[in-house]
């Protein structure tokens, strides 16, 4: 990601707020599709929901997945 990219300021803002952490090791992939896990994690962070591991009622969600607490 370069400072000249049209999304640079937005990525920097959301990273500073902790809404997005990238896709691993601080990497941001702006052209990657957003998954259900990514979306609910961002929404959960916006609402201040704890990220501690939690049980989920959804059978297709691993309770150890990074997004499980938000699903």
C-alpha atoms as a PDB file:
ATOM      1  CA  UNK A   1       0.000   0.000   0.000  1.00  0.00           C
ATOM      2  CA  UNK A   2       1.371   3.382  -0.976  1.00  0.00           C
ATOM      3  CA  UNK A   3       0.521   6.824   0.396  1.00  0.00           C
ATOM      4  CA  UNK A   4      -0.698   7.726  -3.099  1.00  0.00           C
ATOM      5  CA  UNK A   5      -3.400   5.002  -3.081  1.00  0.00           C
ATOM      6  CA  UNK A   6      -6.897   6.533  -2.999  1.00  0.00           C
ATOM      7  CA  UNK A   7      -7.776   4.493   0.102  1.00  0.00           C
ATOM      8  CA  UNK A   8      -4.607   5.191   2.101  1.00  0.00           C
ATOM      9  CA  UNK A   9      -6.127   7.710   4.539  1.00  0.00           C
ATOM     10  CA  UNK A  10      -9.166   5.505   5.173  1.00  0.00           C
ATOM     11  CA  UNK A  11      -7.030   2.456   5.865  1.00  0.00           C
ATOM     12  CA  UNK A  12      -4.814   4.431   8.195  1.00  0.00           C
ATOM     13  CA  UNK A  13      -7.852   5.806  10.063  1.00  0.00           C
ATOM     14  CA  UNK A  14      -9.572   2.445  10.528  1.00  0.00           C
ATOM     15  CA  UNK A  15      -6.307   0.766  11.547  1.00  0.00           C
ATOM     16  CA  UNK A  16      -5.621   3.463  14.150  1.00  0.00           C
ATOM     17  CA  UNK A  17      -9.137   3.009  15.556  1.00  0.00           C
ATOM     18  CA  UNK A  18      -8.614  -0.766  15.672  1.00  0.00           C
ATOM     19  CA  UNK A  19     -11.560  -1.581  13.424  1.00  0.00           C
ATOM     20  CA  UNK A  20      -9.400  -3.438  10.907  1.00  0.00           C
ATOM     21  CA  UNK A  21      -6.169  -5.263  11.583  1.00  0.00           C
ATOM     22  CA  UNK A  22      -5.411  -6.319   8.026  1.00  0.00           C
ATOM     23  CA  UNK A  23      -5.236  -9.851   6.730  1.00  0.00           C
ATOM     24  CA  UNK A  24      -2.174 -10.865   8.714  1.00  0.00           C
ATOM     25  CA  UNK A  25       1.155  -9.396   9.774  1.00  0.00           C
ATOM     26  CA  UNK A  26      -0.149  -5.863   9.190  1.00  0.00           C
ATOM     27  CA  UNK A  27      -0.966  -6.547   5.539  1.00  0.00           C
ATOM     28  CA  UNK A  28      -3.953  -4.759   4.041  1.00  0.00           C
ATOM     29  CA  UNK A  29      -5.479  -6.249   0.902  1.00  0.00           C
ATOM     30  CA  UNK A  30      -7.958  -3.709  -0.479  1.00  0.00           C
ATOM     31  CA  UNK A  31      -9.070  -5.897  -3.360  1.00  0.00           C
ATOM     32  CA  UNK A  32      -9.850  -8.973  -1.255  1.00  0.00           C
ATOM     33  CA  UNK A  33     -13.515  -9.857  -0.789  1.00  0.00           C
ATOM     34  CA  UNK A  34     -14.895  -9.138   2.673  1.00  0.00           C
ATOM     35  CA  UNK A  35     -16.042 -12.300   4.437  1.00  0.00           C
ATOM     36  CA  UNK A  36     -18.842 -12.670   6.964  1.00  0.00           C
ATOM     37  CA  UNK A  37     -16.183 -13.050   9.660  1.00  0.00           C
ATOM     38  CA  UNK A  38     -14.455  -9.824   8.668  1.00  0.00           C
ATOM     39  CA  UNK A  39     -17.691  -7.855   8.541  1.00  0.00           C
ATOM     40  CA  UNK A  40     -19.060  -8.990  11.905  1.00  0.00           C
ATOM     41  CA  UNK A  41     -15.665  -8.420  13.516  1.00  0.00           C
ATOM     42  CA  UNK A  42     -15.578  -4.811  12.344  1.00  0.00           C
ATOM     43  CA  UNK A  43     -19.190  -4.256  13.434  1.00  0.00           C
ATOM     44  CA  UNK A  44     -18.432  -5.854  16.793  1.00  0.00           C
ATOM     45  CA  UNK A  45     -15.389  -3.639  17.280  1.00  0.00           C
ATOM     46  CA  UNK A  46     -17.454  -0.561  16.411  1.00  0.00           C
ATOM     47  CA  UNK A  47     -19.913  -1.564  19.144  1.00  0.00           C
ATOM     48  CA  UNK A  48     -17.174  -2.412  21.645  1.00  0.00           C
ATOM     49  CA  UNK A  49     -18.079  -6.099  21.918  1.00  0.00           C
ATOM     50  CA  UNK A  50     -15.502  -8.197  23.734  1.00  0.00           C
ATOM     51  CA  UNK A  51     -13.209 -10.258  21.541  1.00  0.00           C
ATOM     52  CA  UNK A  52     -12.795 -12.969  24.163  1.00  0.00           C
ATOM     53  CA  UNK A  53     -13.518 -16.456  22.819  1.00  0.00           C
ATOM     54  CA  UNK A  54     -17.210 -17.240  22.934  1.00  0.00           C
ATOM     55  CA  UNK A  55     -19.549 -20.066  22.100  1.00  0.00           C
ATOM     56  CA  UNK A  56     -21.702 -19.592  19.033  1.00  0.00           C
ATOM     57  CA  UNK A  57     -25.003 -21.139  18.013  1.00  0.00           C
ATOM     58  CA  UNK A  58     -23.943 -21.367  14.383  1.00  0.00           C
ATOM     59  CA  UNK A  59     -22.768 -24.819  13.372  1.00  0.00           C
ATOM     60  CA  UNK A  60     -20.580 -23.448  10.587  1.00  0.00           C
ATOM     61  CA  UNK A  61     -18.531 -21.238  12.932  1.00  0.00           C
ATOM     62  CA  UNK A  62     -15.496 -22.625  14.747  1.00  0.00           C
ATOM     63  CA  UNK A  63     -15.607 -21.327  18.334  1.00  0.00           C
ATOM     64  CA  UNK A  64     -11.847 -20.678  18.071  1.00  0.00           C
ATOM     65  CA  UNK A  65     -12.142 -18.506  14.951  1.00  0.00           C
ATOM     66  CA  UNK A  66     -11.061 -14.867  15.364  1.00  0.00           C
ATOM     67  CA  UNK A  67     -14.594 -13.732  14.562  1.00  0.00           C
ATOM     68  CA  UNK A  68     -16.531 -16.210  16.764  1.00  0.00           C
ATOM     69  CA  UNK A  69     -17.105 -13.723  19.581  1.00  0.00           C
ATOM     70  CA  UNK A  70     -18.757 -11.323  17.172  1.00  0.00           C
ATOM     71  CA  UNK A  71     -20.898 -13.879  15.357  1.00  0.00           C
END
